[in-house]
Amino acid sequence: MLQSLKKHLLSRGPFAQVHMGPWIRTLAFRRYFERELAGGSTHSVLDAGCGDGSYAAEIARRLPHARIVGLDLLSSPKWAEHKLGNLSFRQADLQGLAESEAYDLVVSIDSLEHITNNRAIMRAFWNALRPGGLLYLAMPRDDHDQTFLPARWFAAHHEWAEHEHIGEQYELNELEVVLKEIGFSIRLARHTFTAWGRLSWELDNVLNGSRLAFRVRALGMPFFKLLGLLDLYLPIGRGHNLIIGEKAT
């Protein structure tokens, strides 16, 4: 824990400007990628719902021997910025994913909440994995009634979520049951964006406004990042869902 505090707060610059939502998601991904996902048998990876391709590009850099595919419903101009020989992108709908036993790892980060009937997508992930393959699934859960600061301050975000999060939502134990019924065994199941992470995100977003608030936000970055680290290592209460599932051999 103390080594992680030093690594993430000191060596990377405590005052460096970041948006706390992506920072916390990436913090968790990097931790479990190193510990659980990046084995020598990982030769093919699908980033399902890859967005701007940043996670797919990081995986490609970390696994130069592997074939990495980023797939998303909408193409992003940022795909062209990731010039890596082992990385390719494809514009396609996850609901049409029909590849069978093609990947050793499927990564899905903040995508299934945007898709109705997302259980069918999870079944497609299972089918796309080779026996022994892993699924890294990070899936937000709306909790508008659990804000620390006045909920009205985040009305625009909540309105966006109501419009965009059309997919089924699950408590962590419910999502575990769904994946087990599909055929996954659960290697890891935990909450992210618990009390620490929510507070960090709220403070960051409130201060990401006027020029004066922006300066206060810059001074608060070390504190926001500390809250993000506490969310990773000492989570409190419920939050968003993070699961690593394995397709049995």
C-alpha atoms as a PDB file:
ATOM      1  CA  MET A   1       0.000   0.000   0.000  1.00  0.00           C
ATOM      2  CA  LEU A   2       2.741   2.503   0.939  1.00  0.00           C
ATOM      3  CA  GLN A   3       4.746   1.620  -2.172  1.00  0.00           C
ATOM      4  CA  SER A   4       1.671   2.218  -4.325  1.00  0.00           C
ATOM      5  CA  LEU A   5       1.092   5.585  -2.696  1.00  0.00           C
ATOM      6  CA  LYS A   6       4.644   6.603  -3.555  1.00  0.00           C
ATOM      7  CA  LYS A   7       4.454   5.239  -7.096  1.00  0.00           C
ATOM      8  CA  HIS A   8       1.165   6.837  -8.064  1.00  0.00           C
ATOM      9  CA  LEU A   9       1.303  10.099  -6.114  1.00  0.00           C
ATOM     10  CA  LEU A  10       4.975  10.989  -6.169  1.00  0.00           C
ATOM     11  CA  SER A  11       6.724   9.436  -9.145  1.00  0.00           C
ATOM     12  CA  ARG A  12       3.900  10.352 -11.543  1.00  0.00           C
ATOM     13  CA  GLY A  13       3.396  13.881 -10.300  1.00  0.00           C
ATOM     14  CA  PRO A  14       0.805  14.609  -7.606  1.00  0.00           C
ATOM     15  CA  PHE A  15      -0.410  17.816  -9.272  1.00  0.00           C
ATOM     16  CA  ALA A  16      -0.694  16.423 -12.819  1.00  0.00           C
ATOM     17  CA  GLN A  17      -4.148  17.223 -14.172  1.00  0.00           C
ATOM     18  CA  VAL A  18      -6.365  14.172 -14.757  1.00  0.00           C
ATOM     19  CA  HIS A  19     -10.073  13.438 -14.812  1.00  0.00           C
ATOM     20  CA  MET A  20     -10.730  11.227 -11.838  1.00  0.00           C
ATOM     21  CA  GLY A  21     -13.257   8.917 -13.503  1.00  0.00           C
ATOM     22  CA  PRO A  22     -10.861   7.608 -16.183  1.00  0.00           C
ATOM     23  CA  TRP A  23      -7.937   7.776 -13.720  1.00  0.00           C
ATOM     24  CA  ILE A  24      -9.639   5.444 -11.229  1.00  0.00           C
ATOM     25  CA  ARG A  25     -10.799   3.048 -13.957  1.00  0.00           C
ATOM     26  CA  THR A  26      -7.277   2.906 -15.388  1.00  0.00           C
ATOM     27  CA  LEU A  27      -5.734   2.445 -11.939  1.00  0.00           C
ATOM     28  CA  ALA A  28      -7.838  -0.662 -11.360  1.00  0.00           C
ATOM     29  CA  PHE A  29      -7.227  -2.010 -14.860  1.00  0.00           C
ATOM     30  CA  ARG A  30      -3.459  -1.665 -14.571  1.00  0.00           C
ATOM     31  CA  ARG A  31      -3.380  -3.364 -11.201  1.00  0.00           C
ATOM     32  CA  TYR A  32      -5.348  -6.412 -12.325  1.00  0.00           C
ATOM     33  CA  PHE A  33      -3.771  -6.529 -15.768  1.00  0.00           C
ATOM     34  CA  GLU A  34      -0.384  -6.996 -14.152  1.00  0.00           C
ATOM     35  CA  ARG A  35      -1.629  -9.427 -11.504  1.00  0.00           C
ATOM     36  CA  GLU A  36      -4.254 -11.489 -13.322  1.00  0.00           C
ATOM     37  CA  LEU A  37      -4.404 -10.927 -17.068  1.00  0.00           C
ATOM     38  CA  ALA A  38      -0.967 -10.556 -18.665  1.00  0.00           C
ATOM     39  CA  GLY A  39       0.200 -14.157 -18.664  1.00  0.00           C
ATOM     40  CA  GLY A  40       2.562 -15.667 -21.195  1.00  0.00           C
ATOM     41  CA  SER A  41      -0.335 -17.604 -22.743  1.00  0.00           C
ATOM     42  CA  THR A  42      -2.157 -14.408 -23.758  1.00  0.00           C
ATOM     43  CA  HIS A  43      -1.717 -14.284 -27.535  1.00  0.00           C
ATOM     44  CA  SER A  44      -4.946 -12.625 -28.668  1.00  0.00           C
ATOM     45  CA  VAL A  45      -7.037  -9.925 -26.962  1.00  0.00           C
ATOM     46  CA  LEU A  46     -10.372  -8.292 -27.810  1.00  0.00           C
ATOM     47  CA  ASP A  47     -11.139  -4.844 -26.380  1.00  0.00           C
ATOM     48  CA  ALA A  48     -14.920  -4.933 -26.767  1.00  0.00           C
ATOM     49  CA  GLY A  49     -16.345  -1.427 -26.820  1.00  0.00           C
ATOM     50  CA  CYS A  50     -12.888   0.108 -27.130  1.00  0.00           C
ATOM     51  CA  GLY A  51     -13.939   3.785 -27.421  1.00  0.00           C
ATOM     52  CA  ASP A  52     -10.929   5.909 -28.345  1.00  0.00           C
ATOM     53  CA  GLY A  53      -8.670   2.841 -28.253  1.00  0.00           C
ATOM     54  CA  SER A  54      -6.558   3.891 -25.264  1.00  0.00           C
ATOM     55  CA  TYR A  55      -6.932   0.597 -23.372  1.00  0.00           C
ATOM     56  CA  ALA A  56      -6.351  -1.465 -26.527  1.00  0.00           C
ATOM     57  CA  ALA A  57      -3.190   0.543 -27.228  1.00  0.00           C
ATOM     58  CA  GLU A  58      -1.894   0.042 -23.695  1.00  0.00           C
ATOM     59  CA  ILE A  59      -2.501  -3.696 -23.933  1.00  0.00           C
ATOM     60  CA  ALA A  60      -0.689  -3.773 -27.288  1.00  0.00           C
ATOM     61  CA  ARG A  61       2.338  -2.038 -25.761  1.00  0.00           C
ATOM     62  CA  ARG A  62       2.381  -4.363 -22.769  1.00  0.00           C
ATOM     63  CA  LEU A  63       1.901  -7.506 -24.890  1.00  0.00           C
ATOM     64  CA  PRO A  64       3.958  -6.855 -28.046  1.00  0.00           C
ATOM     65  CA  HIS A  65       3.846 -10.559 -28.933  1.00  0.00           C
ATOM     66  CA  ALA A  66       0.025 -10.674 -28.909  1.00  0.00           C
ATOM     67  CA  ARG A  67      -2.646  -9.765 -31.470  1.00  0.00           C
ATOM     68  CA  ILE A  68      -4.904  -6.999 -30.126  1.00  0.00           C
ATOM     69  CA  VAL A  69      -8.264  -6.098 -31.678  1.00  0.00           C
ATOM     70  CA  GLY A  70     -10.290  -3.043 -30.671  1.00  0.00           C
ATOM     71  CA  LEU A  71     -13.957  -3.141 -31.607  1.00  0.00           C
ATOM     72  CA  ASP A  72     -16.589  -0.444 -31.216  1.00  0.00           C
ATOM     73  CA  LEU A  73     -19.928   0.563 -32.721  1.00  0.00           C
ATOM     74  CA  LEU A  74     -18.529   3.982 -33.663  1.00  0.00           C
ATOM     75  CA  SER A  75     -15.073   4.572 -35.092  1.00  0.00           C
ATOM     76  CA  SER A  76     -12.857   7.144 -33.381  1.00  0.00           C
ATOM     77  CA  PRO A  77     -10.380   9.482 -35.096  1.00  0.00           C
ATOM     78  CA  LYS A  78      -7.978   8.649 -32.259  1.00  0.00           C
ATOM     79  CA  TRP A  79      -7.611   5.097 -33.588  1.00  0.00           C
ATOM     80  CA  ALA A  80      -5.238   6.433 -36.233  1.00  0.00           C
ATOM     81  CA  GLU A  81      -2.961   7.824 -33.503  1.00  0.00           C
ATOM     82  CA  HIS A  82      -2.214   4.337 -32.124  1.00  0.00           C
ATOM     83  CA  LYS A  83       0.419   3.174 -34.574  1.00  0.00           C
ATOM     84  CA  LEU A  84       1.280  -0.289 -33.252  1.00  0.00           C
ATOM     85  CA  GLY A  85       1.932  -3.245 -35.484  1.00  0.00           C
ATOM     86  CA  ASN A  86       0.058  -5.732 -33.317  1.00  0.00           C
ATOM     87  CA  LEU A  87      -3.063  -3.560 -32.917  1.00  0.00           C
ATOM     88  CA  SER A  88      -6.024  -3.250 -35.259  1.00  0.00           C
ATOM     89  CA  PHE A  89      -9.449  -1.634 -34.919  1.00  0.00           C
ATOM     90  CA  ARG A  90     -12.796  -2.644 -36.340  1.00  0.00           C
ATOM     91  CA  GLN A  91     -16.102  -0.794 -36.405  1.00  0.00           C
ATOM     92  CA  ALA A  92     -18.816  -3.296 -35.520  1.00  0.00           C
ATOM     93  CA  ASP A  93     -21.788  -3.883 -33.231  1.00  0.00           C
ATOM     94  CA  LEU A  94     -21.121  -6.061 -30.200  1.00  0.00           C
ATOM     95  CA  GLN A  95     -24.597  -7.505 -30.644  1.00  0.00           C
ATOM     96  CA  GLY A  96     -23.327  -9.121 -33.831  1.00  0.00           C
ATOM     97  CA  LEU A  97     -20.172 -10.583 -32.277  1.00  0.00           C
ATOM     98  CA  ALA A  98     -20.053 -14.183 -33.442  1.00  0.00           C
ATOM     99  CA  GLU A  99     -16.369 -15.120 -33.269  1.00  0.00           C
ATOM    100  CA  SER A 100     -15.759 -18.497 -31.636  1.00  0.00           C
ATOM    101  CA  GLU A 101     -12.749 -19.371 -29.466  1.00  0.00           C
ATOM    102  CA  ALA A 102     -10.658 -16.598 -31.030  1.00  0.00           C
ATOM    103  CA  TYR A 103      -9.280 -14.796 -27.954  1.00  0.00           C
ATOM    104  CA  ASP A 104      -7.382 -15.517 -24.769  1.00  0.00           C
ATOM    105  CA  LEU A 105      -8.654 -12.324 -23.130  1.00  0.00           C
ATOM    106  CA  VAL A 106     -11.754 -10.176 -23.639  1.00  0.00           C
ATOM    107  CA  VAL A 107     -11.746  -6.727 -22.031  1.00  0.00           C
ATOM    108  CA  SER A 108     -15.010  -4.805 -21.654  1.00  0.00           C
ATOM    109  CA  ILE A 109     -14.734  -1.508 -19.762  1.00  0.00           C
ATOM    110  CA  ASP A 110     -17.781   0.726 -19.354  1.00  0.00           C
ATOM    111  CA  SER A 111     -19.591  -0.527 -22.462  1.00  0.00           C
ATOM    112  CA  LEU A 112     -22.348  -3.031 -21.594  1.00  0.00           C
ATOM    113  CA  GLU A 113     -24.399  -0.478 -19.675  1.00  0.00           C
ATOM    114  CA  HIS A 114     -25.022   1.160 -23.068  1.00  0.00           C
ATOM    115  CA  ILE A 115     -26.463  -2.014 -24.655  1.00  0.00           C
ATOM    116  CA  THR A 116     -29.865  -3.611 -24.084  1.00  0.00           C
ATOM    117  CA  ASN A 117     -30.003  -7.371 -23.587  1.00  0.00           C
ATOM    118  CA  ASN A 118     -26.391  -7.256 -22.436  1.00  0.00           C
ATOM    119  CA  ARG A 119     -26.606 -10.836 -21.158  1.00  0.00           C
ATOM    120  CA  ALA A 120     -26.490 -11.892 -24.807  1.00  0.00           C
ATOM    121  CA  ILE A 121     -23.264  -9.922 -25.198  1.00  0.00           C
ATOM    122  CA  MET A 122     -21.766 -11.694 -22.171  1.00  0.00           C
ATOM    123  CA  ARG A 123     -22.672 -15.020 -23.778  1.00  0.00           C
ATOM    124  CA  ALA A 124     -20.948 -13.841 -26.963  1.00  0.00           C
ATOM    125  CA  PHE A 125     -17.850 -13.010 -24.901  1.00  0.00           C
ATOM    126  CA  TRP A 126     -17.871 -16.549 -23.489  1.00  0.00           C
ATOM    127  CA  ASN A 127     -18.127 -17.986 -27.005  1.00  0.00           C
ATOM    128  CA  ALA A 128     -15.321 -15.714 -28.292  1.00  0.00           C
ATOM    129  CA  LEU A 129     -12.912 -16.922 -25.597  1.00  0.00           C
ATOM    130  CA  ARG A 130     -10.741 -19.961 -25.918  1.00  0.00           C
ATOM    131  CA  PRO A 131     -10.986 -22.519 -23.095  1.00  0.00           C
ATOM    132  CA  GLY A 132      -9.130 -21.069 -20.107  1.00  0.00           C
ATOM    133  CA  GLY A 133      -9.568 -17.534 -21.457  1.00  0.00           C
ATOM    134  CA  LEU A 134     -10.382 -14.587 -19.220  1.00  0.00           C
ATOM    135  CA  LEU A 135     -13.005 -11.839 -19.250  1.00  0.00           C
ATOM    136  CA  TYR A 136     -12.242  -8.476 -17.607  1.00  0.00           C
ATOM    137  CA  LEU A 137     -15.626  -6.798 -17.154  1.00  0.00           C
ATOM    138  CA  ALA A 138     -15.994  -3.322 -15.635  1.00  0.00           C
ATOM    139  CA  MET A 139     -19.620  -2.229 -15.560  1.00  0.00           C
ATOM    140  CA  PRO A 140     -20.995   0.916 -13.880  1.00  0.00           C
ATOM    141  CA  ARG A 141     -24.150   0.893 -11.816  1.00  0.00           C
ATOM    142  CA  ASP A 142     -26.176   4.112 -11.539  1.00  0.00           C
ATOM    143  CA  ASP A 143     -26.532   5.290  -7.938  1.00  0.00           C
ATOM    144  CA  HIS A 144     -27.811   8.852  -8.203  1.00  0.00           C
ATOM    145  CA  ASP A 145     -29.211   8.759  -4.674  1.00  0.00           C
ATOM    146  CA  GLN A 146     -25.791   8.125  -3.107  1.00  0.00           C
ATOM    147  CA  THR A 147     -23.981  11.382  -3.846  1.00  0.00           C
ATOM    148  CA  PHE A 148     -22.054  13.109  -1.062  1.00  0.00           C
ATOM    149  CA  LEU A 149     -22.572  16.570  -2.517  1.00  0.00           C
ATOM    150  CA  PRO A 150     -26.048  17.843  -3.510  1.00  0.00           C
ATOM    151  CA  ALA A 151     -27.400  15.654  -6.301  1.00  0.00           C
ATOM    152  CA  ARG A 152     -28.665  18.714  -8.186  1.00  0.00           C
ATOM    153  CA  TRP A 153     -25.031  19.673  -8.870  1.00  0.00           C
ATOM    154  CA  PHE A 154     -24.756  16.604 -11.068  1.00  0.00           C
ATOM    155  CA  ALA A 155     -28.134  16.887 -12.785  1.00  0.00           C
ATOM    156  CA  ALA A 156     -26.595  17.103 -16.263  1.00  0.00           C
ATOM    157  CA  HIS A 157     -24.554  13.942 -15.705  1.00  0.00           C
ATOM    158  CA  HIS A 158     -27.534  12.072 -14.270  1.00  0.00           C
ATOM    159  CA  GLU A 159     -29.669  13.120 -17.239  1.00  0.00           C
ATOM    160  CA  TRP A 160     -26.937  11.862 -19.584  1.00  0.00           C
ATOM    161  CA  ALA A 161     -26.778   8.537 -17.729  1.00  0.00           C
ATOM    162  CA  GLU A 162     -30.550   8.075 -17.881  1.00  0.00           C
ATOM    163  CA  HIS A 163     -30.390   8.569 -21.653  1.00  0.00           C
ATOM    164  CA  GLU A 164     -27.230   6.562 -22.337  1.00  0.00           C
ATOM    165  CA  HIS A 165     -27.377   3.723 -19.803  1.00  0.00           C
ATOM    166  CA  ILE A 166     -30.106   1.750 -21.526  1.00  0.00           C
ATOM    167  CA  GLY A 167     -28.628  -1.654 -20.689  1.00  0.00           C
ATOM    168  CA  GLU A 168     -29.627  -3.830 -17.776  1.00  0.00           C
ATOM    169  CA  GLN A 169     -27.900  -2.973 -14.504  1.00  0.00           C
ATOM    170  CA  TYR A 170     -26.854  -5.407 -11.803  1.00  0.00           C
ATOM    171  CA  GLU A 171     -25.741  -5.565  -8.228  1.00  0.00           C
ATOM    172  CA  LEU A 172     -22.362  -7.283  -7.992  1.00  0.00           C
ATOM    173  CA  ASN A 173     -23.806 -10.562  -6.729  1.00  0.00           C
ATOM    174  CA  GLU A 174     -26.436 -10.509  -9.492  1.00  0.00           C
ATOM    175  CA  LEU A 175     -23.749 -10.047 -12.150  1.00  0.00           C
ATOM    176  CA  GLU A 176     -21.795 -12.961 -10.686  1.00  0.00           C
ATOM    177  CA  VAL A 177     -24.876 -15.176 -11.006  1.00  0.00           C
ATOM    178  CA  VAL A 178     -25.414 -14.122 -14.621  1.00  0.00           C
ATOM    179  CA  LEU A 179     -21.809 -14.937 -15.562  1.00  0.00           C
ATOM    180  CA  LYS A 180     -21.864 -18.267 -13.721  1.00  0.00           C
ATOM    181  CA  GLU A 181     -25.065 -19.268 -15.548  1.00  0.00           C
ATOM    182  CA  ILE A 182     -23.311 -18.508 -18.856  1.00  0.00           C
ATOM    183  CA  GLY A 183     -20.412 -20.766 -17.849  1.00  0.00           C
ATOM    184  CA  PHE A 184     -17.788 -18.503 -16.315  1.00  0.00           C
ATOM    185  CA  SER A 185     -16.036 -19.240 -13.068  1.00  0.00           C
ATOM    186  CA  ILE A 186     -15.344 -16.093 -11.030  1.00  0.00           C
ATOM    187  CA  ARG A 187     -11.705 -15.317 -10.239  1.00  0.00           C
ATOM    188  CA  LEU A 188     -12.326 -11.810  -8.861  1.00  0.00           C
ATOM    189  CA  ALA A 189     -15.442  -9.812  -7.989  1.00  0.00           C
ATOM    190  CA  ARG A 190     -15.279  -6.417  -6.317  1.00  0.00           C
ATOM    191  CA  HIS A 191     -16.688  -2.914  -6.247  1.00  0.00           C
ATOM    192  CA  THR A 192     -14.955   0.164  -7.630  1.00  0.00           C
ATOM    193  CA  PHE A 193     -16.023   3.796  -7.244  1.00  0.00           C
ATOM    194  CA  THR A 194     -17.052   3.074  -3.680  1.00  0.00           C
ATOM    195  CA  ALA A 195     -17.306   5.913  -1.132  1.00  0.00           C
ATOM    196  CA  TRP A 196     -13.714   7.087  -1.751  1.00  0.00           C
ATOM    197  CA  GLY A 197     -13.995   6.991  -5.516  1.00  0.00           C
ATOM    198  CA  ARG A 198     -17.399   8.677  -5.608  1.00  0.00           C
ATOM    199  CA  LEU A 199     -16.174  11.523  -3.409  1.00  0.00           C
ATOM    200  CA  SER A 200     -13.061  11.967  -5.555  1.00  0.00           C
ATOM    201  CA  TRP A 201     -15.142  12.048  -8.753  1.00  0.00           C
ATOM    202  CA  GLU A 202     -17.674  14.488  -7.290  1.00  0.00           C
ATOM    203  CA  LEU A 203     -15.082  16.957  -6.020  1.00  0.00           C
ATOM    204  CA  ASP A 204     -13.179  16.814  -9.303  1.00  0.00           C
ATOM    205  CA  ASN A 205     -16.301  17.454 -11.368  1.00  0.00           C
ATOM    206  CA  VAL A 206     -17.577  20.297  -9.194  1.00  0.00           C
ATOM    207  CA  LEU A 207     -14.239  22.091  -9.477  1.00  0.00           C
ATOM    208  CA  ASN A 208     -13.826  21.451 -13.201  1.00  0.00           C
ATOM    209  CA  GLY A 209     -15.571  24.712 -14.093  1.00  0.00           C
ATOM    210  CA  SER A 210     -14.514  28.339 -13.704  1.00  0.00           C
ATOM    211  CA  ARG A 211     -10.874  29.477 -13.872  1.00  0.00           C
ATOM    212  CA  LEU A 212     -10.741  30.003 -10.092  1.00  0.00           C
ATOM    213  CA  ALA A 213     -12.257  26.595  -9.426  1.00  0.00           C
ATOM    214  CA  PHE A 214      -9.812  25.062 -11.910  1.00  0.00           C
ATOM    215  CA  ARG A 215      -6.890  26.381  -9.855  1.00  0.00           C
ATOM    216  CA  VAL A 216      -8.381  24.953  -6.674  1.00  0.00           C
ATOM    217  CA  ARG A 217      -8.855  21.655  -8.536  1.00  0.00           C
ATOM    218  CA  ALA A 218      -5.167  21.650  -9.486  1.00  0.00           C
ATOM    219  CA  LEU A 219      -4.188  22.090  -5.835  1.00  0.00           C
ATOM    220  CA  GLY A 220      -6.602  19.329  -4.857  1.00  0.00           C
ATOM    221  CA  MET A 221      -5.237  16.754  -7.296  1.00  0.00           C
ATOM    222  CA  PRO A 222      -2.981  14.979  -4.751  1.00  0.00           C
ATOM    223  CA  PHE A 223      -5.979  14.591  -2.420  1.00  0.00           C
ATOM    224  CA  PHE A 224      -8.272  13.379  -5.206  1.00  0.00           C
ATOM    225  CA  LYS A 225      -5.670  10.802  -6.256  1.00  0.00           C
ATOM    226  CA  LEU A 226      -5.221   9.666  -2.673  1.00  0.00           C
ATOM    227  CA  LEU A 227      -8.979   9.043  -2.502  1.00  0.00           C
ATOM    228  CA  GLY A 228      -8.691   7.079  -5.746  1.00  0.00           C
ATOM    229  CA  LEU A 229      -5.975   4.884  -4.253  1.00  0.00           C
ATOM    230  CA  LEU A 230      -8.049   4.300  -1.140  1.00  0.00           C
ATOM    231  CA  ASP A 231     -10.905   3.242  -3.405  1.00  0.00           C
ATOM    232  CA  LEU A 232      -8.637   0.634  -4.983  1.00  0.00           C
ATOM    233  CA  TYR A 233      -7.024  -0.725  -1.833  1.00  0.00           C
ATOM    234  CA  LEU A 234      -9.551   0.005   0.950  1.00  0.00           C
ATOM    235  CA  PRO A 235     -12.999   0.117  -0.687  1.00  0.00           C
ATOM    236  CA  ILE A 236     -15.958   1.128   1.459  1.00  0.00           C
ATOM    237  CA  GLY A 237     -19.500   0.089   0.593  1.00  0.00           C
ATOM    238  CA  ARG A 238     -21.003  -0.651  -2.799  1.00  0.00           C
ATOM    239  CA  GLY A 239     -20.136   0.938  -6.106  1.00  0.00           C
ATOM    240  CA  HIS A 240     -19.522  -0.077  -9.707  1.00  0.00           C
ATOM    241  CA  ASN A 241     -18.848  -3.688 -10.647  1.00  0.00           C
ATOM    242  CA  LEU A 242     -15.520  -5.240 -11.624  1.00  0.00           C
ATOM    243  CA  ILE A 243     -15.318  -8.948 -12.371  1.00  0.00           C
ATOM    244  CA  ILE A 244     -12.697 -11.248 -13.830  1.00  0.00           C
ATOM    245  CA  GLY A 245     -14.279 -14.446 -15.138  1.00  0.00           C
ATOM    246  CA  GLU A 246     -12.655 -17.536 -16.608  1.00  0.00           C
ATOM    247  CA  LYS A 247     -13.972 -19.855 -19.287  1.00  0.00           C
ATOM    248  CA  ALA A 248     -13.430 -23.366 -17.995  1.00  0.00           C
ATOM    249  CA  THR A 249     -11.057 -25.614 -19.931  1.00  0.00           C
END
